[in-house]
Amino acid sequence: MCLAVPGKIVSISDNEPLLRMGRVSFGGLIKQVSLAYVSGAQVNDYVIVHAGFALSILDRDEAEQTLNYLRQL
């Protein structure tokens, strides 16, 4: 079973598509994440992250609802 978690991009470094990295906040915990798979991602976007890679961009409302559910657990 795999678990992907939503997070908010707080900063992006390197604009080279395969080297793009972002600092992503998961409820205050900030981790470095590869943005290679989400070339259109920008600061303040929410992304789904698994194993250190952002896999897709999420709608803000959907991400916040999911984060709220996770906090309730």
N, C-alpha and C. Protein backbone atom coordinates (compact mmCIF):
# COMPACT_ATOMS: atom_id res chain seq x y z
N MET A 1 0.84 -1.17 0.00
CA MET A 1 0.00 0.00 0.00
C MET A 1 0.89 1.24 0.00
N CYS A 2 0.54 2.22 -0.79
CA CYS A 2 1.30 3.46 -0.90
C CYS A 2 0.48 4.61 -0.33
N LEU A 3 1.17 5.58 0.21
CA LEU A 3 0.50 6.75 0.75
C LEU A 3 1.11 8.00 0.13
N ALA A 4 0.28 8.77 -0.54
CA ALA A 4 0.70 10.06 -1.10
C ALA A 4 0.03 11.14 -0.27
N VAL A 5 0.77 12.20 0.02
CA VAL A 5 0.31 13.23 0.93
C VAL A 5 0.29 14.59 0.23
N PRO A 6 -0.76 15.39 0.45
CA PRO A 6 -0.77 16.74 -0.14
C PRO A 6 0.11 17.69 0.66
N GLY A 7 0.76 18.60 -0.06
CA GLY A 7 1.59 19.62 0.57
C GLY A 7 1.56 20.89 -0.26
N LYS A 8 1.95 22.00 0.35
CA LYS A 8 1.93 23.30 -0.31
C LYS A 8 3.36 23.73 -0.63
N ILE A 9 3.59 24.10 -1.88
CA ILE A 9 4.92 24.55 -2.30
C ILE A 9 5.18 25.94 -1.72
N VAL A 10 6.30 26.07 -0.98
CA VAL A 10 6.65 27.37 -0.40
C VAL A 10 7.79 28.04 -1.14
N SER A 11 8.61 27.27 -1.86
CA SER A 11 9.65 27.86 -2.70
C SER A 11 10.10 26.85 -3.74
N ILE A 12 10.68 27.37 -4.82
CA ILE A 12 11.15 26.53 -5.93
C ILE A 12 12.57 26.95 -6.28
N SER A 13 13.42 25.95 -6.50
CA SER A 13 14.79 26.25 -6.95
C SER A 13 15.07 25.52 -8.24
N ASP A 14 15.89 26.12 -9.08
CA ASP A 14 16.32 25.57 -10.37
C ASP A 14 15.15 25.41 -11.35
N ASN A 15 15.22 26.10 -12.44
CA ASN A 15 14.17 26.03 -13.45
C ASN A 15 14.41 24.98 -14.51
N GLU A 16 15.53 24.26 -14.44
CA GLU A 16 15.80 23.15 -15.35
C GLU A 16 14.74 22.08 -15.08
N PRO A 17 13.91 21.72 -16.07
CA PRO A 17 12.77 20.83 -15.83
C PRO A 17 13.06 19.55 -15.03
N LEU A 18 14.14 18.87 -15.31
CA LEU A 18 14.42 17.61 -14.62
C LEU A 18 15.10 17.81 -13.27
N LEU A 19 15.53 19.04 -12.98
CA LEU A 19 16.24 19.31 -11.73
C LEU A 19 15.43 20.17 -10.75
N ARG A 20 14.21 20.56 -11.15
CA ARG A 20 13.41 21.44 -10.29
C ARG A 20 13.14 20.80 -8.95
N MET A 21 13.44 21.53 -7.90
CA MET A 21 13.17 21.09 -6.54
C MET A 21 12.33 22.15 -5.86
N GLY A 22 11.52 21.72 -4.93
CA GLY A 22 10.72 22.67 -4.17
C GLY A 22 10.74 22.35 -2.70
N ARG A 23 10.57 23.38 -1.91
CA ARG A 23 10.37 23.19 -0.48
C ARG A 23 8.86 23.13 -0.30
N VAL A 24 8.39 22.01 0.24
CA VAL A 24 6.95 21.78 0.36
C VAL A 24 6.59 21.62 1.83
N SER A 25 5.55 22.33 2.24
CA SER A 25 5.09 22.31 3.62
C SER A 25 3.97 21.29 3.77
N PHE A 26 4.14 20.40 4.74
CA PHE A 26 3.13 19.42 5.10
C PHE A 26 2.65 19.77 6.51
N GLY A 27 1.76 20.75 6.59
CA GLY A 27 1.26 21.18 7.89
C GLY A 27 2.34 21.77 8.78
N GLY A 28 3.32 22.44 8.20
CA GLY A 28 4.39 23.06 8.96
C GLY A 28 5.72 22.33 8.86
N LEU A 29 5.71 21.06 8.56
CA LEU A 29 6.94 20.29 8.34
C LEU A 29 7.35 20.51 6.89
N ILE A 30 8.55 21.04 6.67
CA ILE A 30 8.99 21.37 5.31
C ILE A 30 10.03 20.36 4.82
N LYS A 31 9.80 19.83 3.62
CA LYS A 31 10.70 18.85 3.00
C LYS A 31 11.06 19.29 1.59
N GLN A 32 12.25 18.88 1.13
CA GLN A 32 12.67 19.08 -0.25
C GLN A 32 11.99 18.00 -1.10
N VAL A 33 11.40 18.41 -2.21
CA VAL A 33 10.65 17.50 -3.08
C VAL A 33 11.02 17.77 -4.52
N SER A 34 11.15 16.73 -5.31
CA SER A 34 11.39 16.90 -6.75
C SER A 34 10.09 17.34 -7.42
N LEU A 35 10.21 18.36 -8.27
CA LEU A 35 9.06 18.87 -9.03
C LEU A 35 9.18 18.50 -10.51
N ALA A 36 10.03 17.53 -10.83
CA ALA A 36 10.28 17.14 -12.22
C ALA A 36 9.01 16.68 -12.94
N TYR A 37 8.08 16.06 -12.22
CA TYR A 37 6.87 15.53 -12.85
C TYR A 37 5.74 16.54 -12.96
N VAL A 38 5.90 17.71 -12.33
CA VAL A 38 4.85 18.74 -12.35
C VAL A 38 5.45 20.06 -12.83
N SER A 39 5.75 20.11 -14.10
CA SER A 39 6.46 21.26 -14.66
C SER A 39 5.71 22.58 -14.49
N GLY A 40 4.40 22.53 -14.39
CA GLY A 40 3.61 23.75 -14.25
C GLY A 40 3.41 24.21 -12.82
N ALA A 41 3.94 23.48 -11.85
CA ALA A 41 3.74 23.83 -10.45
C ALA A 41 4.43 25.14 -10.10
N GLN A 42 3.76 25.93 -9.26
CA GLN A 42 4.28 27.22 -8.84
C GLN A 42 4.17 27.34 -7.32
N VAL A 43 4.86 28.34 -6.77
CA VAL A 43 4.76 28.62 -5.34
C VAL A 43 3.30 28.83 -4.98
N ASN A 44 2.87 28.28 -3.85
CA ASN A 44 1.51 28.32 -3.30
C ASN A 44 0.58 27.28 -3.91
N ASP A 45 1.04 26.50 -4.89
CA ASP A 45 0.24 25.38 -5.40
C ASP A 45 0.32 24.23 -4.41
N TYR A 46 -0.73 23.43 -4.39
CA TYR A 46 -0.73 22.20 -3.61
C TYR A 46 -0.40 21.05 -4.55
N VAL A 47 0.42 20.13 -4.07
CA VAL A 47 0.81 18.96 -4.86
C VAL A 47 0.67 17.70 -4.03
N ILE A 48 0.44 16.59 -4.71
CA ILE A 48 0.44 15.27 -4.07
C ILE A 48 1.87 14.75 -4.14
N VAL A 49 2.43 14.33 -3.00
CA VAL A 49 3.82 13.89 -2.94
C VAL A 49 3.90 12.44 -2.46
N HIS A 50 4.71 11.67 -3.17
CA HIS A 50 4.99 10.28 -2.77
C HIS A 50 6.48 10.01 -3.00
N ALA A 51 7.15 9.50 -1.98
CA ALA A 51 8.56 9.10 -2.05
C ALA A 51 9.46 10.23 -2.57
N GLY A 52 9.15 11.47 -2.15
CA GLY A 52 10.00 12.59 -2.50
C GLY A 52 9.74 13.23 -3.85
N PHE A 53 8.69 12.78 -4.54
CA PHE A 53 8.34 13.33 -5.85
C PHE A 53 6.92 13.86 -5.83
N ALA A 54 6.73 15.09 -6.32
CA ALA A 54 5.39 15.64 -6.52
C ALA A 54 4.82 14.98 -7.77
N LEU A 55 3.66 14.36 -7.62
CA LEU A 55 3.08 13.60 -8.73
C LEU A 55 2.02 14.36 -9.51
N SER A 56 1.30 15.26 -8.84
CA SER A 56 0.28 16.04 -9.54
C SER A 56 -0.06 17.28 -8.72
N ILE A 57 -0.64 18.25 -9.40
CA ILE A 57 -1.08 19.48 -8.77
C ILE A 57 -2.53 19.29 -8.35
N LEU A 58 -2.85 19.73 -7.13
CA LEU A 58 -4.20 19.59 -6.60
C LEU A 58 -4.93 20.92 -6.58
N ASP A 59 -6.23 20.85 -6.68
CA ASP A 59 -7.10 21.99 -6.47
C ASP A 59 -6.97 22.41 -5.00
N ARG A 60 -6.89 23.70 -4.73
CA ARG A 60 -6.69 24.22 -3.37
C ARG A 60 -7.75 23.69 -2.40
N ASP A 61 -9.03 23.73 -2.77
CA ASP A 61 -10.10 23.28 -1.88
C ASP A 61 -9.99 21.79 -1.59
N GLU A 62 -9.69 21.01 -2.61
CA GLU A 62 -9.52 19.57 -2.44
C GLU A 62 -8.36 19.26 -1.50
N ALA A 63 -7.26 19.95 -1.68
CA ALA A 63 -6.08 19.74 -0.83
C ALA A 63 -6.38 20.10 0.62
N GLU A 64 -7.01 21.24 0.85
CA GLU A 64 -7.30 21.66 2.20
C GLU A 64 -8.29 20.72 2.88
N GLN A 65 -9.25 20.20 2.13
CA GLN A 65 -10.19 19.23 2.68
C GLN A 65 -9.46 17.94 3.08
N THR A 66 -8.58 17.47 2.24
CA THR A 66 -7.80 16.26 2.54
C THR A 66 -6.91 16.47 3.76
N LEU A 67 -6.24 17.63 3.84
CA LEU A 67 -5.41 17.93 5.00
C LEU A 67 -6.24 18.00 6.28
N ASN A 68 -7.44 18.52 6.18
CA ASN A 68 -8.34 18.57 7.34
C ASN A 68 -8.70 17.15 7.78
N TYR A 69 -8.99 16.27 6.85
CA TYR A 69 -9.29 14.87 7.19
C TYR A 69 -8.10 14.21 7.88
N LEU A 70 -6.89 14.46 7.38
CA LEU A 70 -5.69 13.87 7.97
C LEU A 70 -5.47 14.38 9.39
N ARG A 71 -5.74 15.67 9.63
CA ARG A 71 -5.60 16.23 10.99
C ARG A 71 -6.59 15.56 11.96
N GLN A 72 -7.78 15.24 11.46
CA GLN A 72 -8.79 14.61 12.30
C GLN A 72 -8.41 13.20 12.72
N LEU A 73 -7.60 12.54 11.89
CA LEU A 73 -7.16 11.18 12.23
C LEU A 73 -6.22 11.24 13.40
